[in-house]
C-alpha atoms as a PDB file:
ATOM      1  CA  MET A   1     -16.027  21.078  28.861  1.00  0.00           C
ATOM      2  CA  LYS A   2     -18.920  21.348  26.462  1.00  0.00           C
ATOM      3  CA  LEU A   3     -20.160  18.393  24.418  1.00  0.00           C
ATOM      4  CA  VAL A   4     -22.503  19.140  21.519  1.00  0.00           C
ATOM      5  CA  ILE A   5     -24.536  16.321  19.989  1.00  0.00           C
ATOM      6  CA  GLY A   6     -25.927  16.729  16.494  1.00  0.00           C
ATOM      7  CA  TYR A   7     -27.354  13.255  16.136  1.00  0.00           C
ATOM      8  CA  GLY A   8     -30.845  11.786  15.990  1.00  0.00           C
ATOM      9  CA  ARG A   9     -33.919  12.748  13.981  1.00  0.00           C
ATOM     10  CA  ASN A  10     -36.778  12.977  16.429  1.00  0.00           C
ATOM     11  CA  GLU A  11     -37.747  13.084  20.089  1.00  0.00           C
ATOM     12  CA  GLU A  12     -37.636   9.309  20.385  1.00  0.00           C
ATOM     13  CA  ASP A  13     -33.996   9.310  19.212  1.00  0.00           C
ATOM     14  CA  TRP A  14     -33.035  12.162  21.530  1.00  0.00           C
ATOM     15  CA  ASN A  15     -34.682  10.454  24.500  1.00  0.00           C
ATOM     16  CA  SER A  16     -32.695   7.302  23.712  1.00  0.00           C
ATOM     17  CA  ILE A  17     -29.488   9.349  23.658  1.00  0.00           C
ATOM     18  CA  ARG A  18     -30.410  11.005  26.991  1.00  0.00           C
ATOM     19  CA  LYS A  19     -31.040   7.591  28.527  1.00  0.00           C
ATOM     20  CA  LEU A  20     -27.591   6.366  27.442  1.00  0.00           C
ATOM     21  CA  ILE A  21     -25.974   9.566  28.702  1.00  0.00           C
ATOM     22  CA  SER A  22     -27.493   8.917  32.139  1.00  0.00           C
ATOM     23  CA  GLU A  23     -26.259   5.313  31.991  1.00  0.00           C
ATOM     24  CA  PHE A  24     -22.715   6.682  31.656  1.00  0.00           C
ATOM     25  CA  GLY A  25     -23.401   9.264  34.366  1.00  0.00           C
ATOM     26  CA  ASP A  26     -20.102   8.794  36.172  1.00  0.00           C
ATOM     27  CA  ILE A  27     -18.418  10.289  33.094  1.00  0.00           C
ATOM     28  CA  THR A  28     -21.087  12.460  31.463  1.00  0.00           C
ATOM     29  CA  ARG A  29     -21.803  14.451  34.662  1.00  0.00           C
ATOM     30  CA  ASN A  30     -18.422  16.104  34.119  1.00  0.00           C
ATOM     31  CA  TYR A  31     -19.565  17.713  30.860  1.00  0.00           C
ATOM     32  CA  GLU A  32     -22.033  20.360  29.778  1.00  0.00           C
ATOM     33  CA  ILE A  33     -24.059  18.373  27.235  1.00  0.00           C
ATOM     34  CA  VAL A  34     -26.287  19.958  24.603  1.00  0.00           C
ATOM     35  CA  ILE A  35     -28.401  17.876  22.212  1.00  0.00           C
ATOM     36  CA  THR A  36     -29.255  19.983  19.164  1.00  0.00           C
ATOM     37  CA  ARG A  37     -32.428  19.264  17.218  1.00  0.00           C
ATOM     38  CA  ASN A  38     -31.830  21.231  14.022  1.00  0.00           C
ATOM     39  CA  LYS A  39     -29.159  23.084  12.045  1.00  0.00           C
ATOM     40  CA  SER A  40     -29.992  26.414  13.652  1.00  0.00           C
ATOM     41  CA  GLU A  41     -29.405  25.082  17.171  1.00  0.00           C
ATOM     42  CA  LEU A  42     -26.213  23.339  16.069  1.00  0.00           C
ATOM     43  CA  LYS A  43     -24.955  26.553  14.481  1.00  0.00           C
ATOM     44  CA  ASN A  44     -25.380  28.385  17.790  1.00  0.00           C
ATOM     45  CA  GLU A  45     -24.013  25.693  20.084  1.00  0.00           C
ATOM     46  CA  ILE A  46     -20.973  24.604  18.064  1.00  0.00           C
ATOM     47  CA  LYS A  47     -19.207  27.953  18.626  1.00  0.00           C
ATOM     48  CA  ASP A  48     -17.925  27.032  22.092  1.00  0.00           C
ATOM     49  CA  ALA A  49     -18.033  23.244  21.835  1.00  0.00           C
ATOM     50  CA  ASP A  50     -15.016  21.197  22.905  1.00  0.00           C
ATOM     51  CA  ILE A  51     -16.426  17.885  21.618  1.00  0.00           C
ATOM     52  CA  PHE A  52     -18.865  17.150  18.797  1.00  0.00           C
ATOM     53  CA  PHE A  53     -20.747  13.886  18.228  1.00  0.00           C
ATOM     54  CA  GLY A  54     -22.846  13.478  15.102  1.00  0.00           C
ATOM     55  CA  PHE A  55     -23.072  12.123  11.582  1.00  0.00           C
ATOM     56  CA  LYS A  56     -21.562  15.084   9.749  1.00  0.00           C
ATOM     57  CA  LEU A  57     -19.864  18.411  10.424  1.00  0.00           C
ATOM     58  CA  GLY A  58     -19.853  20.823   7.505  1.00  0.00           C
ATOM     59  CA  ARG A  59     -16.990  23.192   6.718  1.00  0.00           C
ATOM     60  CA  LYS A  60     -18.907  26.353   7.701  1.00  0.00           C
ATOM     61  CA  LEU A  61     -19.867  24.898  11.068  1.00  0.00           C
ATOM     62  CA  PHE A  62     -16.315  23.745  11.717  1.00  0.00           C
ATOM     63  CA  GLN A  63     -15.010  27.224  10.997  1.00  0.00           C
ATOM     64  CA  LYS A  64     -17.226  28.555  13.800  1.00  0.00           C
ATOM     65  CA  ALA A  65     -16.002  25.930  16.297  1.00  0.00           C
ATOM     66  CA  ASN A  66     -12.964  27.688  17.745  1.00  0.00           C
ATOM     67  CA  ARG A  67     -12.635  25.450  20.836  1.00  0.00           C
ATOM     68  CA  LEU A  68     -13.152  22.077  19.204  1.00  0.00           C
ATOM     69  CA  LYS A  69     -10.739  19.344  20.292  1.00  0.00           C
ATOM     70  CA  TRP A  70     -12.417  16.110  19.225  1.00  0.00           C
ATOM     71  CA  VAL A  71     -15.071  15.035  16.708  1.00  0.00           C
ATOM     72  CA  HIS A  72     -16.670  11.595  16.794  1.00  0.00           C
ATOM     73  CA  PHE A  73     -18.709  10.618  13.738  1.00  0.00           C
ATOM     74  CA  SER A  74     -21.547   8.098  13.876  1.00  0.00           C
ATOM     75  CA  SER A  75     -20.434   6.529  10.574  1.00  0.00           C
ATOM     76  CA  ALA A  76     -17.481   4.325   9.636  1.00  0.00           C
ATOM     77  CA  GLY A  77     -16.536   6.429   6.622  1.00  0.00           C
ATOM     78  CA  VAL A  78     -15.719  10.083   7.282  1.00  0.00           C
ATOM     79  CA  ASP A  79     -15.137  11.312   3.713  1.00  0.00           C
ATOM     80  CA  HIS A  80     -18.262  13.482   4.016  1.00  0.00           C
ATOM     81  CA  SER A  81     -16.483  15.738   6.534  1.00  0.00           C
ATOM     82  CA  LEU A  82     -12.826  15.648   5.494  1.00  0.00           C
ATOM     83  CA  TYR A  83     -11.997  19.079   4.112  1.00  0.00           C
ATOM     84  CA  ARG A  84      -8.726  20.988   4.206  1.00  0.00           C
ATOM     85  CA  GLU A  85      -9.518  23.011   7.346  1.00  0.00           C
ATOM     86  CA  ILE A  86     -10.269  19.983   9.507  1.00  0.00           C
ATOM     87  CA  ILE A  87      -7.373  17.975   8.044  1.00  0.00           C
ATOM     88  CA  ASP A  88      -4.877  20.742   8.836  1.00  0.00           C
ATOM     89  CA  SER A  89      -6.258  21.323  12.339  1.00  0.00           C
ATOM     90  CA  GLU A  90      -5.253  19.585  15.562  1.00  0.00           C
ATOM     91  CA  VAL A  91      -8.812  18.292  16.046  1.00  0.00           C
ATOM     92  CA  ILE A  92      -8.917  14.526  16.628  1.00  0.00           C
ATOM     93  CA  ILE A  93     -11.430  12.590  14.527  1.00  0.00           C
ATOM     94  CA  THR A  94     -12.813   9.197  15.520  1.00  0.00           C
ATOM     95  CA  SER A  95     -15.446   7.063  13.814  1.00  0.00           C
ATOM     96  CA  ALA A  96     -17.972   4.311  14.421  1.00  0.00           C
ATOM     97  CA  LYS A  97     -15.796   1.767  12.652  1.00  0.00           C
ATOM     98  CA  GLY A  98     -16.516  -1.769  13.802  1.00  0.00           C
ATOM     99  CA  ILE A  99     -20.238  -1.701  14.497  1.00  0.00           C
ATOM    100  CA  HIS A 100     -21.322  -2.158  10.872  1.00  0.00           C
ATOM    101  CA  GLY A 101     -19.254  -5.194   9.936  1.00  0.00           C
ATOM    102  CA  THR A 102     -21.612  -8.119  10.487  1.00  0.00           C
ATOM    103  CA  ASN A 103     -24.625  -6.354   9.004  1.00  0.00           C
ATOM    104  CA  ILE A 104     -22.703  -5.339   5.877  1.00  0.00           C
ATOM    105  CA  ALA A 105     -21.218  -8.831   5.553  1.00  0.00           C
ATOM    106  CA  GLU A 106     -24.679 -10.402   5.718  1.00  0.00           C
ATOM    107  CA  HIS A 107     -25.862  -7.874   3.132  1.00  0.00           C
ATOM    108  CA  VAL A 108     -23.031  -8.930   0.801  1.00  0.00           C
ATOM    109  CA  LEU A 109     -23.931 -12.597   1.257  1.00  0.00           C
ATOM    110  CA  THR A 110     -27.559 -11.742   0.461  1.00  0.00           C
ATOM    111  CA  PHE A 111     -26.514 -10.135  -2.835  1.00  0.00           C
ATOM    112  CA  LEU A 112     -24.541 -13.259  -3.763  1.00  0.00           C
ATOM    113  CA  LEU A 113     -27.426 -15.575  -2.911  1.00  0.00           C
ATOM    114  CA  TYR A 114     -29.963 -13.335  -4.676  1.00  0.00           C
ATOM    115  CA  PHE A 115     -28.166 -13.720  -7.993  1.00  0.00           C
ATOM    116  CA  SER A 116     -26.753 -17.242  -7.579  1.00  0.00           C
ATOM    117  CA  LYS A 117     -30.212 -18.588  -6.700  1.00  0.00           C
ATOM    118  CA  SER A 118     -31.863 -16.567  -9.499  1.00  0.00           C
ATOM    119  CA  PHE A 119     -34.183 -14.633  -7.222  1.00  0.00           C
ATOM    120  CA  ASP A 120     -34.240 -11.818  -9.776  1.00  0.00           C
ATOM    121  CA  LYS A 121     -35.681 -14.217 -12.352  1.00  0.00           C
ATOM    122  CA  LEU A 122     -38.045 -15.802  -9.810  1.00  0.00           C
ATOM    123  CA  ILE A 123     -39.489 -12.407  -8.840  1.00  0.00           C
ATOM    124  CA  ASN A 124     -40.156 -11.592 -12.502  1.00  0.00           C
ATOM    125  CA  LYS A 125     -41.786 -14.983 -13.040  1.00  0.00           C
ATOM    126  CA  GLN A 126     -44.046 -14.400 -10.049  1.00  0.00           C
ATOM    127  CA  LYS A 127     -45.028 -10.924 -11.288  1.00  0.00           C
ATOM    128  CA  ASN A 128     -45.918 -12.418 -14.663  1.00  0.00           C
ATOM    129  CA  HIS A 129     -47.670 -15.474 -13.130  1.00  0.00           C
ATOM    130  CA  GLU A 130     -45.287 -17.667 -15.115  1.00  0.00           C
ATOM    131  CA  TRP A 131     -44.136 -21.116 -13.976  1.00  0.00           C
ATOM    132  CA  ASN A 132     -40.842 -22.140 -15.598  1.00  0.00           C
ATOM    133  CA  LYS A 133     -38.906 -24.293 -13.183  1.00  0.00           C
ATOM    134  CA  LYS A 134     -36.442 -25.627 -15.746  1.00  0.00           C
ATOM    135  CA  GLU A 135     -35.202 -22.176 -16.733  1.00  0.00           C
ATOM    136  CA  ILE A 136     -34.661 -21.206 -13.091  1.00  0.00           C
ATOM    137  CA  VAL A 137     -32.881 -24.407 -12.103  1.00  0.00           C
ATOM    138  CA  ASN A 138     -30.553 -24.150 -15.102  1.00  0.00           C
ATOM    139  CA  SER A 139     -29.507 -20.631 -14.084  1.00  0.00           C
ATOM    140  CA  GLN A 140     -28.740 -21.376 -10.422  1.00  0.00           C
ATOM    141  CA  PHE A 141     -25.299 -22.185  -9.070  1.00  0.00           C
ATOM    142  CA  LEU A 142     -23.584 -22.921  -5.760  1.00  0.00           C
ATOM    143  CA  ILE A 143     -21.515 -20.234  -4.044  1.00  0.00           C
ATOM    144  CA  LYS A 144     -19.498 -22.999  -2.363  1.00  0.00           C
ATOM    145  CA  ASN A 145     -15.894 -23.284  -3.610  1.00  0.00           C
ATOM    146  CA  LYS A 146     -16.091 -19.980  -5.513  1.00  0.00           C
ATOM    147  CA  LYS A 147     -13.438 -17.258  -5.269  1.00  0.00           C
ATOM    148  CA  ALA A 148     -14.113 -13.768  -3.882  1.00  0.00           C
ATOM    149  CA  LEU A 149     -11.970 -10.655  -4.144  1.00  0.00           C
ATOM    150  CA  ILE A 150     -12.580  -8.115  -1.375  1.00  0.00           C
ATOM    151  CA  LEU A 151     -11.410  -4.622  -2.297  1.00  0.00           C
ATOM    152  CA  GLY A 152     -10.527  -3.046   1.042  1.00  0.00           C
ATOM    153  CA  PHE A 153      -9.482  -5.335   3.867  1.00  0.00           C
ATOM    154  CA  GLY A 154     -10.033  -3.344   7.016  1.00  0.00           C
ATOM    155  CA  THR A 155     -12.471  -4.163   9.814  1.00  0.00           C
ATOM    156  CA  ILE A 156     -15.484  -4.594   7.527  1.00  0.00           C
ATOM    157  CA  GLY A 157     -13.539  -6.430   4.830  1.00  0.00           C
ATOM    158  CA  LYS A 158     -12.331  -8.963   7.377  1.00  0.00           C
ATOM    159  CA  GLU A 159     -15.887  -9.563   8.593  1.00  0.00           C
ATOM    160  CA  ILE A 160     -17.068 -10.057   5.004  1.00  0.00           C
ATOM    161  CA  ALA A 161     -14.304 -12.633   4.563  1.00  0.00           C
ATOM    162  CA  ARG A 162     -15.332 -14.412   7.774  1.00  0.00           C
ATOM    163  CA  ILE A 163     -18.944 -14.727   6.628  1.00  0.00           C
ATOM    164  CA  LEU A 164     -18.006 -15.817   3.096  1.00  0.00           C
ATOM    165  CA  LYS A 165     -15.434 -18.330   4.302  1.00  0.00           C
ATOM    166  CA  SER A 166     -18.085 -19.891   6.537  1.00  0.00           C
ATOM    167  CA  ASN A 167     -19.874 -20.667   3.246  1.00  0.00           C
ATOM    168  CA  GLN A 168     -16.684 -22.255   1.860  1.00  0.00           C
ATOM    169  CA  ILE A 169     -15.835 -19.326  -0.429  1.00  0.00           C
ATOM    170  CA  GLU A 170     -12.107 -18.759  -0.938  1.00  0.00           C
ATOM    171  CA  CYS A 171     -11.317 -15.115  -0.163  1.00  0.00           C
ATOM    172  CA  PHE A 172      -8.612 -12.721  -1.284  1.00  0.00           C
ATOM    173  CA  GLY A 173      -8.213  -9.232   0.151  1.00  0.00           C
ATOM    174  CA  VAL A 174      -6.829  -6.017  -1.349  1.00  0.00           C
ATOM    175  CA  LYS A 175      -4.920  -3.537   0.825  1.00  0.00           C
ATOM    176  CA  LYS A 176      -2.885  -0.470  -0.051  1.00  0.00           C
ATOM    177  CA  HIS A 177      -0.303  -1.083   2.662  1.00  0.00           C
ATOM    178  CA  ILE A 178       0.603  -4.751   3.052  1.00  0.00           C
ATOM    179  CA  THR A 179       2.311  -5.786   6.273  1.00  0.00           C
ATOM    180  CA  GLN A 180       1.292  -9.459   6.049  1.00  0.00           C
ATOM    181  CA  LYS A 181       0.851 -11.609   2.945  1.00  0.00           C
ATOM    182  CA  GLU A 182      -1.930 -13.496   4.685  1.00  0.00           C
ATOM    183  CA  ILE A 183      -4.462 -12.447   7.328  1.00  0.00           C
ATOM    184  CA  LYS A 184      -6.669 -15.117   8.915  1.00  0.00           C
ATOM    185  CA  ASN A 185      -6.103 -17.461   5.948  1.00  0.00           C
ATOM    186  CA  VAL A 186      -6.939 -14.729   3.435  1.00  0.00           C
ATOM    187  CA  LYS A 187      -4.250 -13.952   0.867  1.00  0.00           C
ATOM    188  CA  ILE A 188      -3.562 -10.208   0.671  1.00  0.00           C
ATOM    189  CA  LEU A 189      -2.873  -8.518  -2.667  1.00  0.00           C
ATOM    190  CA  LYS A 190      -2.066  -5.045  -3.887  1.00  0.00           C
ATOM    191  CA  MET A 191      -4.605  -3.537  -6.286  1.00  0.00           C
ATOM    192  CA  GLU A 192      -2.222  -3.926  -9.243  1.00  0.00           C
ATOM    193  CA  GLU A 193      -1.839  -7.653  -8.505  1.00  0.00           C
ATOM    194  CA  ALA A 194      -5.588  -8.106  -8.207  1.00  0.00           C
ATOM    195  CA  ARG A 195      -6.242  -6.263 -11.480  1.00  0.00           C
ATOM    196  CA  ASN A 196      -3.955  -8.663 -13.318  1.00  0.00           C
ATOM    197  CA  ILE A 197      -5.980 -11.710 -12.217  1.00  0.00           C
ATOM    198  CA  LEU A 198      -9.435 -10.134 -12.047  1.00  0.00           C
ATOM    199  CA  ASN A 199     -10.909 -12.739 -14.404  1.00  0.00           C
ATOM    200  CA  LYS A 200     -10.120 -15.478 -11.867  1.00  0.00           C
ATOM    201  CA  PHE A 201     -12.736 -14.272  -9.365  1.00  0.00           C
ATOM    202  CA  ASP A 202     -16.409 -15.224  -9.225  1.00  0.00           C
ATOM    203  CA  PHE A 203     -17.290 -12.400  -6.842  1.00  0.00           C
ATOM    204  CA  VAL A 204     -15.759  -8.931  -6.516  1.00  0.00           C
ATOM    205  CA  ILE A 205     -16.787  -6.910  -3.458  1.00  0.00           C
ATOM    206  CA  ASP A 206     -15.944  -3.228  -3.017  1.00  0.00           C
ATOM    207  CA  ILE A 207     -15.596  -1.899   0.541  1.00  0.00           C
ATOM    208  CA  LEU A 208     -12.814   0.624  -0.139  1.00  0.00           C
ATOM    209  CA  PRO A 209     -12.745   4.024   1.588  1.00  0.00           C
ATOM    210  CA  LEU A 210     -13.358   7.079  -0.590  1.00  0.00           C
ATOM    211  CA  THR A 211     -10.108   8.924  -1.315  1.00  0.00           C
ATOM    212  CA  ASP A 212      -8.651  10.723  -4.321  1.00  0.00           C
ATOM    213  CA  GLU A 213      -7.014   7.418  -5.321  1.00  0.00           C
ATOM    214  CA  THR A 214     -10.176   5.312  -5.127  1.00  0.00           C
ATOM    215  CA  GLU A 215     -12.570   7.722  -6.862  1.00  0.00           C
ATOM    216  CA  ASN A 216     -13.595   6.227 -10.251  1.00  0.00           C
ATOM    217  CA  ILE A 217     -11.206   3.299  -9.686  1.00  0.00           C
ATOM    218  CA  ILE A 218     -13.791   0.863 -11.055  1.00  0.00           C
ATOM    219  CA  ASP A 219     -14.140   1.789 -14.693  1.00  0.00           C
ATOM    220  CA  LYS A 220     -14.864   0.331 -18.123  1.00  0.00           C
ATOM    221  CA  ASP A 221     -11.625  -1.682 -18.205  1.00  0.00           C
ATOM    222  CA  PHE A 222     -12.215  -3.030 -14.698  1.00  0.00           C
ATOM    223  CA  PHE A 223     -15.652  -4.412 -15.574  1.00  0.00           C
ATOM    224  CA  GLU A 224     -14.504  -5.765 -18.937  1.00  0.00           C
ATOM    225  CA  ASP A 225     -11.704  -7.672 -17.193  1.00  0.00           C
ATOM    226  CA  MET A 226     -14.159  -9.356 -14.832  1.00  0.00           C
ATOM    227  CA  LYS A 227     -15.106 -12.965 -15.445  1.00  0.00           C
ATOM    228  CA  LYS A 228     -18.236 -13.650 -17.484  1.00  0.00           C
ATOM    229  CA  GLY A 229     -21.059 -14.693 -15.137  1.00  0.00           C
ATOM    230  CA  SER A 230     -19.399 -13.193 -12.066  1.00  0.00           C
ATOM    231  CA  ILE A 231     -21.036 -10.896  -9.510  1.00  0.00           C
ATOM    232  CA  PHE A 232     -19.969  -7.385  -8.540  1.00  0.00           C
ATOM    233  CA  VAL A 233     -21.059  -5.914  -5.194  1.00  0.00           C
ATOM    234  CA  ASN A 234     -20.492  -2.349  -3.983  1.00  0.00           C
ATOM    235  CA  VAL A 235     -20.977  -1.665  -0.274  1.00  0.00           C
ATOM    236  CA  GLY A 236     -18.201   0.948  -0.233  1.00  0.00           C
ATOM    237  CA  ARG A 237     -18.876   4.256  -1.956  1.00  0.00           C
ATOM    238  CA  GLY A 238     -20.769   4.988  -5.163  1.00  0.00           C
ATOM    239  CA  GLU A 239     -18.034   7.376  -6.278  1.00  0.00           C
ATOM    240  CA  HIS A 240     -15.661   4.435  -6.739  1.00  0.00           C
ATOM    241  CA  VAL A 241     -17.521   3.435  -9.892  1.00  0.00           C
ATOM    242  CA  VAL A 242     -17.732   5.259 -13.207  1.00  0.00           C
ATOM    243  CA  LYS A 243     -21.458   5.589 -13.879  1.00  0.00           C
ATOM    244  CA  GLU A 244     -21.177   5.064 -17.643  1.00  0.00           C
ATOM    245  CA  ALA A 245     -19.249   1.836 -17.045  1.00  0.00           C
ATOM    246  CA  LEU A 246     -22.073   0.517 -14.852  1.00  0.00           C
ATOM    247  CA  LEU A 247     -24.558   1.266 -17.613  1.00  0.00           C
ATOM    248  CA  ASN A 248     -22.542   0.041 -20.583  1.00  0.00           C
ATOM    249  CA  ASN A 249     -20.012  -2.570 -19.453  1.00  0.00           C
ATOM    250  CA  THR A 250     -21.722  -4.955 -17.018  1.00  0.00           C
ATOM    251  CA  SER A 251     -24.030  -6.992 -19.279  1.00  0.00           C
ATOM    252  CA  HIS A 252     -21.649  -9.997 -19.161  1.00  0.00           C
ATOM    253  CA  LEU A 253     -21.919 -10.169 -15.357  1.00  0.00           C
ATOM    254  CA  ARG A 254     -24.472 -12.407 -13.657  1.00  0.00           C
ATOM    255  CA  GLY A 255     -25.406  -9.564 -11.380  1.00  0.00           C
ATOM    256  CA  VAL A 256     -24.470  -6.231  -9.830  1.00  0.00           C
ATOM    257  CA  GLY A 257     -25.418  -5.534  -6.218  1.00  0.00           C
ATOM    258  CA  LEU A 258     -25.359  -1.816  -5.447  1.00  0.00           C
ATOM    259  CA  ASP A 259     -25.873  -0.688  -1.899  1.00  0.00           C
ATOM    260  CA  VAL A 260     -24.297   2.611  -2.934  1.00  0.00           C
ATOM    261  CA  THR A 261     -24.684   4.497  -6.202  1.00  0.00           C
ATOM    262  CA  PRO A 262     -22.696   7.226  -7.996  1.00  0.00           C
ATOM    263  CA  ASP A 263     -25.396   9.756  -7.047  1.00  0.00           C
ATOM    264  CA  GLU A 264     -27.423   9.573  -3.831  1.00  0.00           C
ATOM    265  CA  PRO A 265     -30.316   9.688  -3.673  1.00  0.00           C
ATOM    266  CA  LEU A 266     -30.423   8.084  -7.106  1.00  0.00           C
ATOM    267  CA  ASP A 267     -32.397  10.172  -9.588  1.00  0.00           C
ATOM    268  CA  LYS A 268     -35.807   8.711 -10.424  1.00  0.00           C
ATOM    269  CA  LYS A 269     -34.910   8.940 -14.098  1.00  0.00           C
ATOM    270  CA  SER A 270     -31.622   7.031 -13.729  1.00  0.00           C
ATOM    271  CA  LYS A 271     -31.340   4.060 -16.078  1.00  0.00           C
ATOM    272  CA  LEU A 272     -29.790   2.037 -13.245  1.00  0.00           C
ATOM    273  CA  TRP A 273     -33.257   1.480 -11.731  1.00  0.00           C
ATOM    274  CA  ASP A 274     -34.398  -0.509 -14.768  1.00  0.00           C
ATOM    275  CA  MET A 275     -31.341  -2.634 -15.539  1.00  0.00           C
ATOM    276  CA  GLU A 276     -32.251  -6.295 -15.280  1.00  0.00           C
ATOM    277  CA  ASN A 277     -29.009  -7.490 -13.703  1.00  0.00           C
ATOM    278  CA  ILE A 278     -28.787  -4.784 -11.022  1.00  0.00           C
ATOM    279  CA  LEU A 279     -30.209  -4.841  -7.491  1.00  0.00           C
ATOM    280  CA  ILE A 280     -30.157  -1.501  -5.629  1.00  0.00           C
ATOM    281  CA  THR A 281     -30.537  -1.441  -1.846  1.00  0.00           C
ATOM    282  CA  GLN A 282     -30.361   2.324  -1.168  1.00  0.00           C
ATOM    283  CA  HIS A 283     -27.334   2.539   1.160  1.00  0.00           C
ATOM    284  CA  THR A 284     -28.933   0.402   3.867  1.00  0.00           C
ATOM    285  CA  SER A 285     -26.280  -2.288   4.380  1.00  0.00           C
ATOM    286  CA  GLY A 286     -24.698  -0.630   7.406  1.00  0.00           C
ATOM    287  CA  ASP A 287     -27.946   0.160   9.201  1.00  0.00           C
ATOM    288  CA  PHE A 288     -29.849  -2.084  11.573  1.00  0.00           C
ATOM    289  CA  GLN A 289     -32.299  -1.951  14.447  1.00  0.00           C
ATOM    290  CA  ASN A 290     -30.761  -0.209  17.476  1.00  0.00           C
ATOM    291  CA  TYR A 291     -28.083   1.411  15.286  1.00  0.00           C
ATOM    292  CA  LEU A 292     -28.436   4.706  17.128  1.00  0.00           C
ATOM    293  CA  GLU A 293     -27.910   2.950  20.453  1.00  0.00           C
ATOM    294  CA  ALA A 294     -24.838   1.109  19.171  1.00  0.00           C
ATOM    295  CA  THR A 295     -23.179   4.238  17.776  1.00  0.00           C
ATOM    296  CA  THR A 296     -23.998   6.334  20.839  1.00  0.00           C
ATOM    297  CA  ARG A 297     -22.745   3.650  23.209  1.00  0.00           C
ATOM    298  CA  LEU A 298     -19.485   3.456  21.249  1.00  0.00           C
ATOM    299  CA  PHE A 299     -19.088   7.233  21.478  1.00  0.00           C
ATOM    300  CA  LEU A 300     -19.716   7.222  25.230  1.00  0.00           C
ATOM    301  CA  LYS A 301     -17.119   4.492  25.727  1.00  0.00           C
ATOM    302  CA  ASN A 302     -14.718   6.691  23.807  1.00  0.00           C
ATOM    303  CA  LEU A 303     -15.739   9.679  25.925  1.00  0.00           C
ATOM    304  CA  LYS A 304     -14.692   7.712  29.002  1.00  0.00           C
ATOM    305  CA  LYS A 305     -11.277   7.156  27.417  1.00  0.00           C
ATOM    306  CA  PHE A 306     -11.067  10.840  26.493  1.00  0.00           C
ATOM    307  CA  HIS A 307     -11.909  11.847  30.060  1.00  0.00           C
ATOM    308  CA  GLN A 308      -9.257   9.526  31.450  1.00  0.00           C
ATOM    309  CA  ASN A 309      -6.628  10.677  28.909  1.00  0.00           C
ATOM    310  CA  GLU A 310      -6.461   7.208  27.369  1.00  0.00           C
ATOM    311  CA  LYS A 311      -5.929   6.374  23.703  1.00  0.00           C
ATOM    312  CA  LEU A 312      -9.197   6.775  21.775  1.00  0.00           C
ATOM    313  CA  MET A 313     -10.731   4.015  19.682  1.00  0.00           C
ATOM    314  CA  ASN A 314     -11.036   4.354  15.887  1.00  0.00           C
ATOM    315  CA  VAL A 315      -8.829   7.409  15.432  1.00  0.00           C
ATOM    316  CA  VAL A 316      -8.923   8.510  11.786  1.00  0.00           C
ATOM    317  CA  ASP A 317      -5.709   9.229   9.899  1.00  0.00           C
ATOM    318  CA  LYS A 318      -6.806  12.529   8.373  1.00  0.00           C
ATOM    319  CA  GLN A 319      -4.124  12.431   5.702  1.00  0.00           C
ATOM    320  CA  LYS A 320      -5.097   8.963   4.486  1.00  0.00           C
ATOM    321  CA  GLY A 321      -8.812   9.664   4.858  1.00  0.00           C
ATOM    322  CA  TYR A 322      -9.650   6.588   6.954  1.00  0.00           C
END
């Protein structure tokens, strides 16, 4: 069987992948493995590939891959490669779900601390060489005993709740399909229930998958229903939020933490860059040192399961989109 890898950006990355492949030699020696270094190589090699491992697989490439049986993506979200042809096919899709959780959860906590401890104001004071302790102290507040609503309560949502609860924040989770009313002492709500009590929450955190249902789900009315002085954080997908609502309906919020934006990369001329209550972190919350090693190691563990005809980890429901 042929395994094609379209992952990594440079020779250092590819050498790291080769090293891990040799570490799993008892399994990988059974496969013809090709590491592609550019789109041209991938285009040639994908034609007779049985397995593909990479960040993304475009529609045109998929249409050339007549032998493909399994695709493993190096990201948790797979919306970038869910098109009709791959959905309707028998190709199995798996993801890197699970490796990002702690890093994203810490990123969320950082957003909350940044605004609750007035770091935005402190940075401006430092730039202007202005000492005004009283103003800063009067704008700070404790995150302890606050309420957080987590939109999307899968693997990452649960880890966000764990980190926030360790700081004595009461957490509520939103799920589309509710099988339990409470998970690990977190009350689970449907989106309609959460919308009705949105003004009760101090923090609202978006980690929803991107589907037809969740696109533009956070709009003008959503923001206007949020509590004055609350914080909104998006570590899900930028397409969840209506851009005009971000620009025009968030001034009553204490802060908006955007790891993802409606357009990526964000246009240099976008007004979002200059809004005082917004912090943009350029879709970095899921990345960390040794990320490539972690995702590759997860894939190789899954390859072992594939080789032994065992159930794969992180199988994506192609109809649901996650």
